[in-house]
Amino acid sequence: MGRRRKSRELLLQLLFQAEWNKPQDIEHLLKDFWEDFPTRTEVSERAQDLFLKIMVKRDEIDQRVEDGSENWKLSRMSCVDRNILRAAAYELFYCDDVPAEVAMNEAIEIAKRYGTESSGVFVNGILDKIWNSRSRH
């Protein structure tokens, strides 16, 4: 498994924990997370960097995801799918070093691995719509 894939998986875990635990203190969440998963490398540093940036832009990212998910409110999506979409949407719109096709393909593969049987198709459909409607934002 490549370093970027591993950082995306760690990112998913961080986003999941932030949502599940609803921490008041992000620093405390990060401290606890890295104590449980002591992998302080460039992989974990990238995951943490993306996590912090996503948390800052979360409302904007959530709006993009909701706009692209006809008939699906974020609250109705599985926590895994919702956070995969957040991470991928961030990469699509804010990471110039990641080609759109790579961000989407990685998200789909992670959804297949960690989500439900239909997560890959679900994530693909929403990301495709988000990316194709980008000129309207």
Foldseek 3Di string as FASTA:
>chain_A
DDLQLLLLVVLLVLQLCCVVVVDPDSVVSVVVSCVVVVDPDVSPVVSVVLNVVLVVCVVVQLVLLCVLQPPDHLVNDDSSLSSLSSSLSCCLPPPPVADNVRSLVSSLVVCCVPHDVCSSVNSNSSSVSSNVCVVVD
